[in-house]
Amino acid sequence: MSDEYPIKSLCLVMEVSRSGYYRWSNAGELPRAQQTKRLNLLIKQTHAKSRQTYGSPRITAALRAGGETVGRSRNHSRIPPPCLRLHRKAAQEPEWPHEIIHT
């Protein structure tokens, strides 16, 4: 976007200082973002090692056993959708419609 518009104008519209913009743009990746990338990789590796059978509780337990500090909610939100599987019974087609008997 800065190729199309001058930084000064963009900062004015967004109500940020130019020095703040440049500090942000030159800053490296935040520690939380680095930790998230690392955690995503560990989750995918753990899930693959389990032959894609572990859900978030088991992945969390495996990561904790490996010395990671991770909560289930943060772990669960990082598991890719294809990895989240329904229980077999829940994944089966419902046995509806049942025959309805009117009395």
Protein backbone atom coordinates (compact mmCIF):
# COMPACT_ATOMS: atom_id res chain seq x y z
CA MET A 1 0.00 0.00 0.00
CA SER A 2 2.90 2.34 0.67
CA ASP A 3 3.79 1.98 -3.03
CA GLU A 4 0.48 3.64 -3.92
CA TYR A 5 0.28 6.27 -1.19
CA PRO A 6 2.92 8.19 0.76
CA ILE A 7 3.60 6.93 4.28
CA LYS A 8 2.93 10.40 5.66
CA SER A 9 -0.64 10.36 4.27
CA LEU A 10 -1.31 6.80 5.45
CA CYS A 11 -0.14 7.63 8.96
CA LEU A 12 -2.28 10.75 9.01
CA VAL A 13 -5.40 8.80 7.99
CA MET A 14 -4.71 5.97 10.46
CA GLU A 15 -3.85 8.49 13.20
CA VAL A 16 -0.45 7.00 14.00
CA SER A 17 2.91 8.71 14.14
CA ARG A 18 5.39 8.06 11.36
CA SER A 19 8.01 7.11 13.91
CA GLY A 20 5.58 4.58 15.39
CA TYR A 21 4.87 3.15 11.95
CA TYR A 22 8.56 2.76 11.14
CA ARG A 23 9.27 1.25 14.56
CA TRP A 24 6.50 -1.29 13.92
CA SER A 25 7.56 -2.05 10.33
CA ASN A 26 11.22 -2.55 11.29
CA ALA A 27 10.50 -4.62 14.38
CA GLY A 28 11.11 -8.32 14.20
CA GLU A 29 8.55 -10.98 14.88
CA LEU A 30 7.04 -10.78 18.35
CA PRO A 31 7.93 -13.53 20.84
CA ARG A 32 4.30 -14.68 21.04
CA ALA A 33 4.18 -15.06 17.25
CA GLN A 34 7.41 -17.07 17.31
CA GLN A 35 6.01 -19.28 20.05
CA THR A 36 2.79 -19.76 18.08
CA LYS A 37 4.68 -20.88 14.96
CA ARG A 38 6.70 -23.33 17.01
CA LEU A 39 3.56 -24.62 18.74
CA ASN A 40 1.76 -25.09 15.41
CA LEU A 41 4.65 -27.18 14.14
CA LEU A 42 4.72 -29.30 17.31
CA ILE A 43 0.95 -29.87 17.12
CA LYS A 44 1.14 -30.99 13.50
CA GLN A 45 4.08 -33.30 14.25
CA THR A 46 2.34 -34.82 17.28
CA HIS A 47 -0.85 -35.30 15.30
CA ALA A 48 1.03 -36.97 12.44
CA LYS A 49 2.91 -39.28 14.83
CA SER A 50 -0.42 -40.44 16.25
CA ARG A 51 -1.56 -41.42 12.75
CA GLN A 52 -4.00 -38.50 12.94
CA THR A 53 -5.97 -40.07 15.78
CA TYR A 54 -5.12 -37.71 18.66
CA GLY A 55 -7.50 -34.89 19.42
CA SER A 56 -6.73 -31.80 21.47
CA PRO A 57 -6.75 -33.51 24.91
CA ARG A 58 -4.18 -36.12 23.89
CA ILE A 59 -2.09 -33.64 21.92
CA THR A 60 -2.05 -31.33 24.95
CA ALA A 61 -1.00 -34.22 27.19
CA ALA A 62 1.74 -35.27 24.73
CA LEU A 63 3.08 -31.72 24.51
CA ARG A 64 3.08 -31.37 28.30
CA ALA A 65 4.86 -34.71 28.64
CA GLY A 66 7.49 -33.31 26.28
CA GLY A 67 8.04 -30.33 28.57
CA GLU A 68 5.89 -27.76 26.77
CA THR A 69 3.72 -25.33 28.68
CA VAL A 70 0.48 -25.26 26.75
CA GLY A 71 -3.19 -25.03 27.64
CA ARG A 72 -5.86 -27.10 25.98
CA SER A 73 -7.77 -24.08 24.65
CA ARG A 74 -4.70 -22.68 22.88
CA ASN A 75 -3.85 -26.11 21.54
CA HIS A 76 -7.41 -26.82 20.36
CA SER A 77 -7.62 -23.58 18.43
CA ARG A 78 -4.45 -24.50 16.51
CA ILE A 79 -5.43 -27.99 15.35
CA PRO A 80 -6.21 -27.79 11.63
CA PRO A 81 -9.84 -28.67 10.76
CA PRO A 82 -9.00 -31.93 8.94
CA CYS A 83 -7.35 -33.10 12.16
CA LEU A 84 -10.48 -32.60 14.21
CA ARG A 85 -12.45 -35.78 13.84
CA LEU A 86 -15.86 -36.62 15.10
CA HIS A 87 -16.40 -39.72 17.13
CA ARG A 88 -17.43 -42.59 14.91
CA LYS A 89 -20.86 -42.85 16.43
CA ALA A 90 -21.50 -39.14 15.98
CA ALA A 91 -20.20 -39.26 12.41
CA GLN A 92 -22.67 -41.95 11.36
CA GLU A 93 -25.83 -40.99 9.63
CA PRO A 94 -28.76 -40.58 11.99
CA GLU A 95 -31.34 -43.29 11.90
CA TRP A 96 -34.11 -40.86 11.14
CA PRO A 97 -36.82 -40.67 10.09
CA HIS A 98 -38.26 -43.21 12.47
CA GLU A 99 -41.67 -44.46 11.79
CA ILE A 100 -44.00 -42.20 13.68
CA ILE A 101 -46.93 -43.95 15.28
CA HIS A 102 -49.97 -41.80 15.96
CA THR A 103 -52.25 -43.03 18.70
